[in-house]
């Protein structure tokens, strides 16, 4: 679920709102990336990561309903140079889906610097945002999805598309785990989502936001101006029960009005069953791609908006943008992003 500029609350505290998540194969490793705190939301964005929050990567194995591996990243308050101490904890088994266990401390470091231990590397800091989309195209799709009307792209000119995120920055957490990890060996089928959690006054933790598939929020809940949708706080295992019928009906209405399906109801259900639970699938050690042929992880280059917009429209939607437009915002080696 992308939160680049979805709500006023995101602009007020973008540190807690997930912009993007990526999962792909690195150098004999699996790479997990969580981006938060885009400066496209405006001047109210606070620099760095929230020092009272947790940033978690949740991993399910072989289609399991619940995660049995969680990597939890936390940060201390920034020093005079703006650097923050960061810690990585790992939780396994039933503890992976609980907030109270402390987990195993894997490593400790500082933002802006790579830290490594036991086949795990971690980097966190400000980067050039590799995400790309022309937001005027998004508006032509999410409006009809919300209202159940036909998508009209008659005046959309892909050749004139511009990347609305050119020059923007986000805070990024890059976690790389060796293929020697006992649970993340090549060939292992996993599902990944991420979450931000904030300490409560009562001493517990509240899930503030989560992400799995890209573009979920901008497409399906663009008018959640107070960020009250329950999808933020629920576990993915509850997605279909909570939102399946509602989302399926919206997609069905769009393709029916657009004439892109002879069986709108069936198409709507098919889309929902692909997207719920909102967990990104990936086979460890295989080439990642979030594309038309397959959705297997997601690389920094993938044109996820084009894929997702086409999926809900029931027909190909040409974004007009190619991966090369953001080529300078990604790297081939760890941390795979471009620090600013």
C-alpha atoms as a PDB file:
ATOM      1  CA  UNK A   1       0.000   0.000   0.000  1.00  0.00           C
ATOM      2  CA  UNK A   2       1.547   3.234  -1.088  1.00  0.00           C
ATOM      3  CA  UNK A   3       1.248   6.372   1.017  1.00  0.00           C
ATOM      4  CA  UNK A   4       3.251   8.954  -0.868  1.00  0.00           C
ATOM      5  CA  UNK A   5       0.636  11.697  -0.551  1.00  0.00           C
ATOM      6  CA  UNK A   6      -2.562   9.955   0.336  1.00  0.00           C
ATOM      7  CA  UNK A   7      -3.592  11.870   3.446  1.00  0.00           C
ATOM      8  CA  UNK A   8      -2.957  15.033   5.435  1.00  0.00           C
ATOM      9  CA  UNK A   9      -1.881  12.818   8.330  1.00  0.00           C
ATOM     10  CA  UNK A  10       0.849  11.307   6.175  1.00  0.00           C
ATOM     11  CA  UNK A  11       2.110  14.815   5.501  1.00  0.00           C
ATOM     12  CA  UNK A  12       2.160  15.570   9.222  1.00  0.00           C
ATOM     13  CA  UNK A  13       4.083  12.455  10.155  1.00  0.00           C
ATOM     14  CA  UNK A  14       5.365  10.652   7.111  1.00  0.00           C
ATOM     15  CA  UNK A  15       7.835   8.775   9.313  1.00  0.00           C
ATOM     16  CA  UNK A  16       5.088   6.268  10.088  1.00  0.00           C
ATOM     17  CA  UNK A  17       3.607   5.854   6.634  1.00  0.00           C
ATOM     18  CA  UNK A  18       4.929   3.345   4.134  1.00  0.00           C
ATOM     19  CA  UNK A  19       5.563   4.618   0.621  1.00  0.00           C
ATOM     20  CA  UNK A  20       6.799   1.396  -0.957  1.00  0.00           C
ATOM     21  CA  UNK A  21       8.102  -2.084  -0.256  1.00  0.00           C
ATOM     22  CA  UNK A  22      10.443  -4.108  -2.461  1.00  0.00           C
ATOM     23  CA  UNK A  23      11.624  -7.728  -2.287  1.00  0.00           C
ATOM     24  CA  UNK A  24      14.193  -9.130  -4.711  1.00  0.00           C
ATOM     25  CA  UNK A  25      17.332 -11.208  -5.054  1.00  0.00           C
ATOM     26  CA  UNK A  26      20.657  -9.540  -4.227  1.00  0.00           C
ATOM     27  CA  UNK A  27      24.171 -10.953  -4.181  1.00  0.00           C
ATOM     28  CA  UNK A  28      23.435 -14.516  -3.007  1.00  0.00           C
ATOM     29  CA  UNK A  29      20.830 -12.930  -0.754  1.00  0.00           C
ATOM     30  CA  UNK A  30      17.274 -11.715  -0.371  1.00  0.00           C
ATOM     31  CA  UNK A  31      16.767  -7.955  -0.181  1.00  0.00           C
ATOM     32  CA  UNK A  32      13.880  -6.319   1.677  1.00  0.00           C
ATOM     33  CA  UNK A  33      13.326  -2.562   1.320  1.00  0.00           C
ATOM     34  CA  UNK A  34      10.794  -0.349   3.085  1.00  0.00           C
ATOM     35  CA  UNK A  35      10.477   3.329   2.086  1.00  0.00           C
ATOM     36  CA  UNK A  36       8.733   5.864   4.321  1.00  0.00           C
ATOM     37  CA  UNK A  37       8.507   9.623   4.803  1.00  0.00           C
ATOM     38  CA  UNK A  38       8.456  10.948   1.233  1.00  0.00           C
ATOM     39  CA  UNK A  39       9.115  14.676   1.004  1.00  0.00           C
ATOM     40  CA  UNK A  40       6.442  14.941  -1.689  1.00  0.00           C
ATOM     41  CA  UNK A  41       3.963  15.225   1.176  1.00  0.00           C
ATOM     42  CA  UNK A  42       5.266  18.702   1.983  1.00  0.00           C
ATOM     43  CA  UNK A  43       7.125  20.779   4.505  1.00  0.00           C
ATOM     44  CA  UNK A  44       5.638  19.062   7.554  1.00  0.00           C
ATOM     45  CA  UNK A  45       7.665  15.891   7.001  1.00  0.00           C
ATOM     46  CA  UNK A  46      10.087  15.379   9.867  1.00  0.00           C
ATOM     47  CA  UNK A  47      13.574  14.170   8.898  1.00  0.00           C
ATOM     48  CA  UNK A  48      14.704  10.656   9.785  1.00  0.00           C
ATOM     49  CA  UNK A  49      12.823   7.796  11.375  1.00  0.00           C
ATOM     50  CA  UNK A  50      10.414   7.938  14.303  1.00  0.00           C
ATOM     51  CA  UNK A  51      12.370   7.148  17.476  1.00  0.00           C
ATOM     52  CA  UNK A  52       9.308   5.676  19.216  1.00  0.00           C
ATOM     53  CA  UNK A  53       8.306   3.431  16.322  1.00  0.00           C
ATOM     54  CA  UNK A  54       9.050  -0.029  15.045  1.00  0.00           C
ATOM     55  CA  UNK A  55       9.522  -0.834  11.381  1.00  0.00           C
ATOM     56  CA  UNK A  56       8.860  -4.504  10.677  1.00  0.00           C
ATOM     57  CA  UNK A  57       9.300  -6.888   7.759  1.00  0.00           C
ATOM     58  CA  UNK A  58       6.903  -9.838   8.166  1.00  0.00           C
ATOM     59  CA  UNK A  59       7.625 -13.117   6.354  1.00  0.00           C
ATOM     60  CA  UNK A  60       5.157 -15.976   5.769  1.00  0.00           C
ATOM     61  CA  UNK A  61       6.342 -19.352   4.507  1.00  0.00           C
ATOM     62  CA  UNK A  62       4.669 -21.691   1.992  1.00  0.00           C
ATOM     63  CA  UNK A  63       1.361 -19.811   1.961  1.00  0.00           C
ATOM     64  CA  UNK A  64       0.935 -19.847   5.745  1.00  0.00           C
ATOM     65  CA  UNK A  65      -1.752 -17.598   7.184  1.00  0.00           C
ATOM     66  CA  UNK A  66       0.618 -16.040   9.717  1.00  0.00           C
ATOM     67  CA  UNK A  67       4.211 -14.885   9.678  1.00  0.00           C
ATOM     68  CA  UNK A  68       6.880 -16.942  11.433  1.00  0.00           C
ATOM     69  CA  UNK A  69       9.801 -14.591  10.797  1.00  0.00           C
ATOM     70  CA  UNK A  70       9.847 -10.888  11.587  1.00  0.00           C
ATOM     71  CA  UNK A  71      12.724  -8.473  11.237  1.00  0.00           C
ATOM     72  CA  UNK A  72      12.148  -5.454  13.483  1.00  0.00           C
ATOM     73  CA  UNK A  73      14.106  -2.229  13.005  1.00  0.00           C
ATOM     74  CA  UNK A  74      14.066   0.530  15.612  1.00  0.00           C
ATOM     75  CA  UNK A  75      15.792   3.894  15.892  1.00  0.00           C
ATOM     76  CA  UNK A  76      16.917   6.203  18.680  1.00  0.00           C
ATOM     77  CA  UNK A  77      16.637   9.980  18.643  1.00  0.00           C
ATOM     78  CA  UNK A  78      18.853  11.780  16.156  1.00  0.00           C
ATOM     79  CA  UNK A  79      22.154  13.243  17.277  1.00  0.00           C
ATOM     80  CA  UNK A  80      23.448  16.713  16.387  1.00  0.00           C
ATOM     81  CA  UNK A  81      24.415  15.484  12.899  1.00  0.00           C
ATOM     82  CA  UNK A  82      20.996  13.957  12.303  1.00  0.00           C
ATOM     83  CA  UNK A  83      22.278  10.374  12.609  1.00  0.00           C
ATOM     84  CA  UNK A  84      20.265   7.788  14.528  1.00  0.00           C
ATOM     85  CA  UNK A  85      21.343   4.595  16.255  1.00  0.00           C
ATOM     86  CA  UNK A  86      19.473   1.700  14.653  1.00  0.00           C
ATOM     87  CA  UNK A  87      18.894  -1.817  15.927  1.00  0.00           C
ATOM     88  CA  UNK A  88      17.723  -4.940  14.158  1.00  0.00           C
ATOM     89  CA  UNK A  89      15.936  -7.713  16.031  1.00  0.00           C
ATOM     90  CA  UNK A  90      14.727 -11.039  14.637  1.00  0.00           C
ATOM     91  CA  UNK A  91      11.648 -12.864  15.924  1.00  0.00           C
ATOM     92  CA  UNK A  92      10.737 -16.396  14.896  1.00  0.00           C
ATOM     93  CA  UNK A  93       7.870 -18.829  15.359  1.00  0.00           C
ATOM     94  CA  UNK A  94       4.805 -17.540  17.180  1.00  0.00           C
ATOM     95  CA  UNK A  95       6.790 -14.607  18.543  1.00  0.00           C
ATOM     96  CA  UNK A  96       7.061 -13.251  14.997  1.00  0.00           C
ATOM     97  CA  UNK A  97       3.454 -12.058  15.129  1.00  0.00           C
ATOM     98  CA  UNK A  98       3.522 -10.704  18.679  1.00  0.00           C
ATOM     99  CA  UNK A  99       4.554  -7.307  19.990  1.00  0.00           C
ATOM    100  CA  UNK A 100       5.695  -8.155  23.504  1.00  0.00           C
ATOM    101  CA  UNK A 101       8.717 -10.442  22.776  1.00  0.00           C
ATOM    102  CA  UNK A 102      12.001  -8.578  22.414  1.00  0.00           C
ATOM    103  CA  UNK A 103      13.433 -11.006  19.893  1.00  0.00           C
ATOM    104  CA  UNK A 104      17.113 -11.605  19.179  1.00  0.00           C
ATOM    105  CA  UNK A 105      19.358  -8.594  18.667  1.00  0.00           C
ATOM    106  CA  UNK A 106      20.992  -9.253  15.272  1.00  0.00           C
ATOM    107  CA  UNK A 107      23.012  -6.073  14.853  1.00  0.00           C
ATOM    108  CA  UNK A 108      23.334  -2.416  15.782  1.00  0.00           C
ATOM    109  CA  UNK A 109      24.561   0.520  13.721  1.00  0.00           C
ATOM    110  CA  UNK A 110      23.866   4.109  12.666  1.00  0.00           C
ATOM    111  CA  UNK A 111      21.806   5.577   9.858  1.00  0.00           C
ATOM    112  CA  UNK A 112      23.789   6.418   6.770  1.00  0.00           C
ATOM    113  CA  UNK A 113      26.235   3.582   7.423  1.00  0.00           C
ATOM    114  CA  UNK A 114      26.105  -0.116   6.546  1.00  0.00           C
ATOM    115  CA  UNK A 115      25.981  -2.537   9.473  1.00  0.00           C
ATOM    116  CA  UNK A 116      26.460  -6.285   9.165  1.00  0.00           C
ATOM    117  CA  UNK A 117      26.518  -9.421  11.298  1.00  0.00           C
ATOM    118  CA  UNK A 118      25.922 -13.129  10.750  1.00  0.00           C
ATOM    119  CA  UNK A 119      25.005 -12.956   7.073  1.00  0.00           C
ATOM    120  CA  UNK A 120      22.717  -9.939   7.514  1.00  0.00           C
ATOM    121  CA  UNK A 121      23.318  -6.378   6.333  1.00  0.00           C
ATOM    122  CA  UNK A 122      21.304  -3.273   7.189  1.00  0.00           C
ATOM    123  CA  UNK A 123      21.375   0.273   5.856  1.00  0.00           C
ATOM    124  CA  UNK A 124      18.917   3.087   6.551  1.00  0.00           C
ATOM    125  CA  UNK A 125      18.819   6.712   5.519  1.00  0.00           C
ATOM    126  CA  UNK A 126      17.583   9.345   3.068  1.00  0.00           C
ATOM    127  CA  UNK A 127      17.568   8.333  -0.602  1.00  0.00           C
ATOM    128  CA  UNK A 128      16.431   9.469  -4.029  1.00  0.00           C
ATOM    129  CA  UNK A 129      12.989   7.914  -4.507  1.00  0.00           C
ATOM    130  CA  UNK A 130      13.105   5.241  -7.260  1.00  0.00           C
ATOM    131  CA  UNK A 131       9.300   5.156  -7.559  1.00  0.00           C
ATOM    132  CA  UNK A 132       7.852   6.607 -10.769  1.00  0.00           C
ATOM    133  CA  UNK A 133       4.362   7.503 -11.986  1.00  0.00           C
ATOM    134  CA  UNK A 134       2.527  10.389 -13.605  1.00  0.00           C
ATOM    135  CA  UNK A 135      -0.078  11.266 -10.986  1.00  0.00           C
ATOM    136  CA  UNK A 136      -2.481  12.626 -13.585  1.00  0.00           C
ATOM    137  CA  UNK A 137      -2.896   9.057 -14.852  1.00  0.00           C
ATOM    138  CA  UNK A 138      -3.627   7.780 -11.354  1.00  0.00           C
ATOM    139  CA  UNK A 139      -6.433  10.325 -11.063  1.00  0.00           C
ATOM    140  CA  UNK A 140      -8.029   8.948 -14.232  1.00  0.00           C
ATOM    141  CA  UNK A 141      -8.258   5.499 -12.634  1.00  0.00           C
ATOM    142  CA  UNK A 142      -8.819   5.898  -8.906  1.00  0.00           C
ATOM    143  CA  UNK A 143     -11.752   8.282  -9.431  1.00  0.00           C
ATOM    144  CA  UNK A 144     -13.768   5.781 -11.476  1.00  0.00           C
ATOM    145  CA  UNK A 145     -12.814   2.949  -9.113  1.00  0.00           C
ATOM    146  CA  UNK A 146     -14.226   4.999  -6.246  1.00  0.00           C
ATOM    147  CA  UNK A 147     -17.420   5.911  -8.112  1.00  0.00           C
ATOM    148  CA  UNK A 148     -17.902   2.679 -10.086  1.00  0.00           C
ATOM    149  CA  UNK A 149     -17.870   4.427 -13.455  1.00  0.00           C
ATOM    150  CA  UNK A 150     -16.028   3.886 -16.727  1.00  0.00           C
ATOM    151  CA  UNK A 151     -12.337   4.703 -16.975  1.00  0.00           C
ATOM    152  CA  UNK A 152     -11.850   7.276 -19.724  1.00  0.00           C
ATOM    153  CA  UNK A 153      -8.324   7.454 -21.105  1.00  0.00           C
ATOM    154  CA  UNK A 154      -9.309   9.117 -24.372  1.00  0.00           C
ATOM    155  CA  UNK A 155      -7.338  12.257 -23.545  1.00  0.00           C
ATOM    156  CA  UNK A 156      -4.399  10.457 -21.907  1.00  0.00           C
ATOM    157  CA  UNK A 157      -1.242  10.853 -23.979  1.00  0.00           C
ATOM    158  CA  UNK A 158       1.421   8.398 -22.774  1.00  0.00           C
ATOM    159  CA  UNK A 159       4.108  10.091 -24.842  1.00  0.00           C
ATOM    160  CA  UNK A 160       3.698  13.217 -22.690  1.00  0.00           C
ATOM    161  CA  UNK A 161       3.893  11.404 -19.337  1.00  0.00           C
ATOM    162  CA  UNK A 162       6.222  12.852 -16.717  1.00  0.00           C
ATOM    163  CA  UNK A 163       7.498  11.295 -13.497  1.00  0.00           C
ATOM    164  CA  UNK A 164       5.763  13.180 -10.688  1.00  0.00           C
ATOM    165  CA  UNK A 165       8.350  11.829  -8.233  1.00  0.00           C
ATOM    166  CA  UNK A 166      11.436  13.088 -10.053  1.00  0.00           C
ATOM    167  CA  UNK A 167      13.732  14.749  -7.520  1.00  0.00           C
ATOM    168  CA  UNK A 168      11.813  13.538  -4.458  1.00  0.00           C
ATOM    169  CA  UNK A 169      13.346  11.805  -1.458  1.00  0.00           C
ATOM    170  CA  UNK A 170      12.297   9.136   1.034  1.00  0.00           C
ATOM    171  CA  UNK A 171      13.713   7.461   4.110  1.00  0.00           C
ATOM    172  CA  UNK A 172      14.671   3.898   3.245  1.00  0.00           C
ATOM    173  CA  UNK A 173      15.406   0.764   5.275  1.00  0.00           C
ATOM    174  CA  UNK A 174      17.399  -1.821   3.314  1.00  0.00           C
ATOM    175  CA  UNK A 175      17.757  -5.291   4.807  1.00  0.00           C
ATOM    176  CA  UNK A 176      19.807  -7.973   3.064  1.00  0.00           C
ATOM    177  CA  UNK A 177      19.720 -11.577   4.313  1.00  0.00           C
ATOM    178  CA  UNK A 178      22.116 -14.229   3.002  1.00  0.00           C
ATOM    179  CA  UNK A 179      20.791 -17.302   1.239  1.00  0.00           C
ATOM    180  CA  UNK A 180      22.569 -19.243   3.976  1.00  0.00           C
ATOM    181  CA  UNK A 181      19.814 -18.220   6.372  1.00  0.00           C
ATOM    182  CA  UNK A 182      18.075 -21.430   7.526  1.00  0.00           C
ATOM    183  CA  UNK A 183      14.599 -20.114   6.636  1.00  0.00           C
ATOM    184  CA  UNK A 184      15.423 -18.095   3.525  1.00  0.00           C
ATOM    185  CA  UNK A 185      17.171 -20.617   1.326  1.00  0.00           C
ATOM    186  CA  UNK A 186      16.772 -20.515  -2.477  1.00  0.00           C
ATOM    187  CA  UNK A 187      13.538 -22.100  -3.651  1.00  0.00           C
ATOM    188  CA  UNK A 188      11.633 -21.188  -0.487  1.00  0.00           C
ATOM    189  CA  UNK A 189       8.197 -19.740  -1.200  1.00  0.00           C
ATOM    190  CA  UNK A 190       7.543 -16.697   0.963  1.00  0.00           C
ATOM    191  CA  UNK A 191       5.018 -13.890   1.338  1.00  0.00           C
ATOM    192  CA  UNK A 192       6.140 -10.514   2.657  1.00  0.00           C
ATOM    193  CA  UNK A 193       4.457  -7.462   4.108  1.00  0.00           C
ATOM    194  CA  UNK A 194       5.715  -4.662   6.282  1.00  0.00           C
ATOM    195  CA  UNK A 195       4.312  -2.521   9.067  1.00  0.00           C
ATOM    196  CA  UNK A 196       5.043   0.509  11.191  1.00  0.00           C
ATOM    197  CA  UNK A 197       4.048   0.417  14.844  1.00  0.00           C
ATOM    198  CA  UNK A 198       4.005   3.117  17.477  1.00  0.00           C
ATOM    199  CA  UNK A 199       4.340   2.805  21.228  1.00  0.00           C
ATOM    200  CA  UNK A 200       1.117   3.610  23.068  1.00  0.00           C
ATOM    201  CA  UNK A 201       0.643   5.455  26.354  1.00  0.00           C
ATOM    202  CA  UNK A 202      -0.622   2.195  27.844  1.00  0.00           C
ATOM    203  CA  UNK A 203       2.704   0.512  27.167  1.00  0.00           C
ATOM    204  CA  UNK A 204       1.725  -1.593  24.175  1.00  0.00           C
ATOM    205  CA  UNK A 205       2.082  -1.111  20.435  1.00  0.00           C
ATOM    206  CA  UNK A 206      -0.363   0.039  17.786  1.00  0.00           C
ATOM    207  CA  UNK A 207       0.027  -0.875  14.140  1.00  0.00           C
ATOM    208  CA  UNK A 208      -0.141   2.420  12.261  1.00  0.00           C
ATOM    209  CA  UNK A 209       0.335   1.358   8.679  1.00  0.00           C
ATOM    210  CA  UNK A 210       1.190  -1.667   6.582  1.00  0.00           C
ATOM    211  CA  UNK A 211       2.157  -2.499   3.026  1.00  0.00           C
ATOM    212  CA  UNK A 212       2.249  -5.510   0.716  1.00  0.00           C
ATOM    213  CA  UNK A 213       1.167  -5.034  -2.880  1.00  0.00           C
ATOM    214  CA  UNK A 214       2.024  -1.612  -4.341  1.00  0.00           C
ATOM    215  CA  UNK A 215      -0.591   1.058  -5.145  1.00  0.00           C
ATOM    216  CA  UNK A 216      -3.363  -0.385  -2.998  1.00  0.00           C
ATOM    217  CA  UNK A 217      -4.204   2.796  -1.129  1.00  0.00           C
ATOM    218  CA  UNK A 218      -4.095   5.269  -4.024  1.00  0.00           C
ATOM    219  CA  UNK A 219      -6.360   3.038  -6.097  1.00  0.00           C
ATOM    220  CA  UNK A 220      -8.889   1.737  -3.589  1.00  0.00           C
ATOM    221  CA  UNK A 221      -8.978   4.238  -0.722  1.00  0.00           C
ATOM    222  CA  UNK A 222      -7.858   7.614  -2.133  1.00  0.00           C
ATOM    223  CA  UNK A 223     -10.432   9.565  -0.087  1.00  0.00           C
ATOM    224  CA  UNK A 224      -9.388   8.267   3.325  1.00  0.00           C
ATOM    225  CA  UNK A 225      -8.396  11.792   4.320  1.00  0.00           C
ATOM    226  CA  UNK A 226      -8.285  11.078   8.044  1.00  0.00           C
ATOM    227  CA  UNK A 227      -6.503   7.758   7.612  1.00  0.00           C
ATOM    228  CA  UNK A 228      -9.179   5.867   9.492  1.00  0.00           C
ATOM    229  CA  UNK A 229      -9.534   2.835   7.233  1.00  0.00           C
ATOM    230  CA  UNK A 230      -9.261  -0.335   9.263  1.00  0.00           C
ATOM    231  CA  UNK A 231      -6.923  -1.877   6.701  1.00  0.00           C
ATOM    232  CA  UNK A 232      -4.097  -0.025   8.420  1.00  0.00           C
ATOM    233  CA  UNK A 233      -4.437  -1.890  11.682  1.00  0.00           C
ATOM    234  CA  UNK A 234      -5.667  -5.330  10.684  1.00  0.00           C
ATOM    235  CA  UNK A 235      -3.626  -8.410   9.885  1.00  0.00           C
ATOM    236  CA  UNK A 236      -3.571  -9.501   6.210  1.00  0.00           C
ATOM    237  CA  UNK A 237      -5.308 -12.756   7.146  1.00  0.00           C
ATOM    238  CA  UNK A 238      -8.479 -10.689   7.689  1.00  0.00           C
ATOM    239  CA  UNK A 239      -8.329  -8.841   4.364  1.00  0.00           C
ATOM    240  CA  UNK A 240     -10.677 -10.947   2.259  1.00  0.00           C
ATOM    241  CA  UNK A 241     -13.300 -11.214   4.971  1.00  0.00           C
ATOM    242  CA  UNK A 242     -13.180  -7.496   5.735  1.00  0.00           C
ATOM    243  CA  UNK A 243     -12.841  -5.936   2.272  1.00  0.00           C
ATOM    244  CA  UNK A 244     -13.161  -8.658  -0.365  1.00  0.00           C
ATOM    245  CA  UNK A 245     -16.821  -8.117  -1.278  1.00  0.00           C
ATOM    246  CA  UNK A 246     -16.495  -4.328  -1.213  1.00  0.00           C
ATOM    247  CA  UNK A 247     -13.413  -4.151  -3.441  1.00  0.00           C
ATOM    248  CA  UNK A 248     -14.728  -6.826  -5.816  1.00  0.00           C
ATOM    249  CA  UNK A 249     -17.910  -4.815  -6.341  1.00  0.00           C
ATOM    250  CA  UNK A 250     -15.950  -1.667  -7.150  1.00  0.00           C
ATOM    251  CA  UNK A 251     -13.759  -3.450  -9.696  1.00  0.00           C
ATOM    252  CA  UNK A 252     -16.800  -5.166 -11.197  1.00  0.00           C
ATOM    253  CA  UNK A 253     -18.596  -1.821 -11.586  1.00  0.00           C
ATOM    254  CA  UNK A 254     -15.584  -0.298 -13.336  1.00  0.00           C
ATOM    255  CA  UNK A 255     -15.096  -3.093 -15.881  1.00  0.00           C
ATOM    256  CA  UNK A 256     -18.851  -3.292 -16.471  1.00  0.00           C
ATOM    257  CA  UNK A 257     -19.063   0.431 -17.188  1.00  0.00           C
ATOM    258  CA  UNK A 258     -15.896   0.307 -19.293  1.00  0.00           C
ATOM    259  CA  UNK A 259     -16.994  -2.795 -21.212  1.00  0.00           C
ATOM    260  CA  UNK A 260     -13.723  -4.601 -20.551  1.00  0.00           C
ATOM    261  CA  UNK A 261     -15.230  -7.826 -19.184  1.00  0.00           C
ATOM    262  CA  UNK A 262     -18.148 -10.052 -20.134  1.00  0.00           C
ATOM    263  CA  UNK A 263     -18.307 -11.264 -16.544  1.00  0.00           C
ATOM    264  CA  UNK A 264     -17.700  -8.191 -14.348  1.00  0.00           C
ATOM    265  CA  UNK A 265     -18.649  -9.893 -11.109  1.00  0.00           C
ATOM    266  CA  UNK A 266     -16.340 -12.823 -11.799  1.00  0.00           C
ATOM    267  CA  UNK A 267     -13.531 -10.491 -12.820  1.00  0.00           C
ATOM    268  CA  UNK A 268     -13.910  -8.432  -9.653  1.00  0.00           C
ATOM    269  CA  UNK A 269     -13.645 -11.541  -7.489  1.00  0.00           C
ATOM    270  CA  UNK A 270     -10.622 -12.741  -9.472  1.00  0.00           C
ATOM    271  CA  UNK A 271      -8.809  -9.446  -8.864  1.00  0.00           C
ATOM    272  CA  UNK A 272      -9.564  -9.491  -5.160  1.00  0.00           C
ATOM    273  CA  UNK A 273      -8.365 -13.075  -4.772  1.00  0.00           C
ATOM    274  CA  UNK A 274      -5.098 -12.059  -6.397  1.00  0.00           C
ATOM    275  CA  UNK A 275      -4.583  -9.057  -4.127  1.00  0.00           C
ATOM    276  CA  UNK A 276      -5.910 -10.420  -0.817  1.00  0.00           C
ATOM    277  CA  UNK A 277      -4.382 -11.207   1.544  1.00  0.00           C
ATOM    278  CA  UNK A 278      -2.225  -8.145   0.880  1.00  0.00           C
ATOM    279  CA  UNK A 279       1.066 -10.054   1.030  1.00  0.00           C
ATOM    280  CA  UNK A 280       3.686  -9.825  -1.722  1.00  0.00           C
ATOM    281  CA  UNK A 281       4.695 -13.322  -2.933  1.00  0.00           C
ATOM    282  CA  UNK A 282       8.274 -14.242  -3.783  1.00  0.00           C
ATOM    283  CA  UNK A 283      10.321 -17.389  -4.389  1.00  0.00           C
ATOM    284  CA  UNK A 284      13.716 -16.913  -2.755  1.00  0.00           C
ATOM    285  CA  UNK A 285      16.635 -16.881  -5.158  1.00  0.00           C
ATOM    286  CA  UNK A 286      14.550 -16.353  -8.317  1.00  0.00           C
ATOM    287  CA  UNK A 287      14.495 -13.216 -10.477  1.00  0.00           C
ATOM    288  CA  UNK A 288      11.978 -10.823  -8.963  1.00  0.00           C
ATOM    289  CA  UNK A 289       9.429  -9.102 -11.172  1.00  0.00           C
ATOM    290  CA  UNK A 290       6.193  -7.258 -10.578  1.00  0.00           C
ATOM    291  CA  UNK A 291       4.869  -7.347 -14.098  1.00  0.00           C
ATOM    292  CA  UNK A 292       2.181  -8.613 -16.432  1.00  0.00           C
ATOM    293  CA  UNK A 293       3.676 -12.088 -16.759  1.00  0.00           C
ATOM    294  CA  UNK A 294       4.141 -12.639 -13.033  1.00  0.00           C
ATOM    295  CA  UNK A 295       4.094 -10.958  -9.664  1.00  0.00           C
ATOM    296  CA  UNK A 296       7.062 -12.457  -7.885  1.00  0.00           C
ATOM    297  CA  UNK A 297       8.545  -9.939  -5.479  1.00  0.00           C
ATOM    298  CA  UNK A 298       9.221  -6.436  -6.738  1.00  0.00           C
ATOM    299  CA  UNK A 299      12.405  -4.763  -7.948  1.00  0.00           C
ATOM    300  CA  UNK A 300      13.231  -1.073  -7.765  1.00  0.00           C
ATOM    301  CA  UNK A 301      12.822  -0.870 -11.553  1.00  0.00           C
ATOM    302  CA  UNK A 302       9.406  -2.522 -11.892  1.00  0.00           C
ATOM    303  CA  UNK A 303       6.586  -0.409 -13.307  1.00  0.00           C
ATOM    304  CA  UNK A 304       4.149  -1.429 -10.576  1.00  0.00           C
ATOM    305  CA  UNK A 305       1.647   1.389 -11.230  1.00  0.00           C
ATOM    306  CA  UNK A 306       1.154   0.275 -14.826  1.00  0.00           C
ATOM    307  CA  UNK A 307       0.501  -3.302 -13.714  1.00  0.00           C
ATOM    308  CA  UNK A 308      -1.916  -2.387 -10.934  1.00  0.00           C
ATOM    309  CA  UNK A 309      -3.857   0.180 -12.956  1.00  0.00           C
ATOM    310  CA  UNK A 310      -4.255  -2.325 -15.785  1.00  0.00           C
ATOM    311  CA  UNK A 311      -5.428  -4.986 -13.355  1.00  0.00           C
ATOM    312  CA  UNK A 312      -8.307  -2.927 -11.968  1.00  0.00           C
ATOM    313  CA  UNK A 313      -9.197  -1.501 -15.392  1.00  0.00           C
ATOM    314  CA  UNK A 314      -9.445  -4.937 -16.968  1.00  0.00           C
ATOM    315  CA  UNK A 315      -7.355  -3.735 -19.896  1.00  0.00           C
ATOM    316  CA  UNK A 316      -3.823  -2.550 -20.584  1.00  0.00           C
ATOM    317  CA  UNK A 317      -3.048   0.928 -19.285  1.00  0.00           C
ATOM    318  CA  UNK A 318       0.066   2.479 -20.788  1.00  0.00           C
ATOM    319  CA  UNK A 319       1.759   4.641 -18.157  1.00  0.00           C
ATOM    320  CA  UNK A 320       4.039   6.223 -20.737  1.00  0.00           C
ATOM    321  CA  UNK A 321       7.030   5.702 -18.440  1.00  0.00           C
ATOM    322  CA  UNK A 322       9.768   3.099 -18.638  1.00  0.00           C
ATOM    323  CA  UNK A 323      12.207   1.907 -15.956  1.00  0.00           C
ATOM    324  CA  UNK A 324      14.969   3.986 -17.509  1.00  0.00           C
ATOM    325  CA  UNK A 325      13.295   7.184 -16.300  1.00  0.00           C
ATOM    326  CA  UNK A 326      14.445   6.442 -12.736  1.00  0.00           C
ATOM    327  CA  UNK A 327      17.617   4.527 -13.571  1.00  0.00           C
ATOM    328  CA  UNK A 328      19.744   6.993 -11.633  1.00  0.00           C
ATOM    329  CA  UNK A 329      17.759   6.306  -8.447  1.00  0.00           C
ATOM    330  CA  UNK A 330      18.845   2.686  -8.008  1.00  0.00           C
ATOM    331  CA  UNK A 331      22.098   0.774  -7.735  1.00  0.00           C
ATOM    332  CA  UNK A 332      23.356  -2.724  -8.564  1.00  0.00           C
ATOM    333  CA  UNK A 333      25.119  -3.297  -5.237  1.00  0.00           C
ATOM    334  CA  UNK A 334      24.223  -2.941  -1.579  1.00  0.00           C
ATOM    335  CA  UNK A 335      22.363  -0.881  -0.438  1.00  0.00           C
ATOM    336  CA  UNK A 336      20.827  -0.883  -3.959  1.00  0.00           C
ATOM    337  CA  UNK A 337      19.426   2.614  -3.402  1.00  0.00           C
ATOM    338  CA  UNK A 338      21.050   6.024  -3.928  1.00  0.00           C
ATOM    339  CA  UNK A 339      21.785   7.814  -0.627  1.00  0.00           C
ATOM    340  CA  UNK A 340      21.285  11.571  -0.539  1.00  0.00           C
END
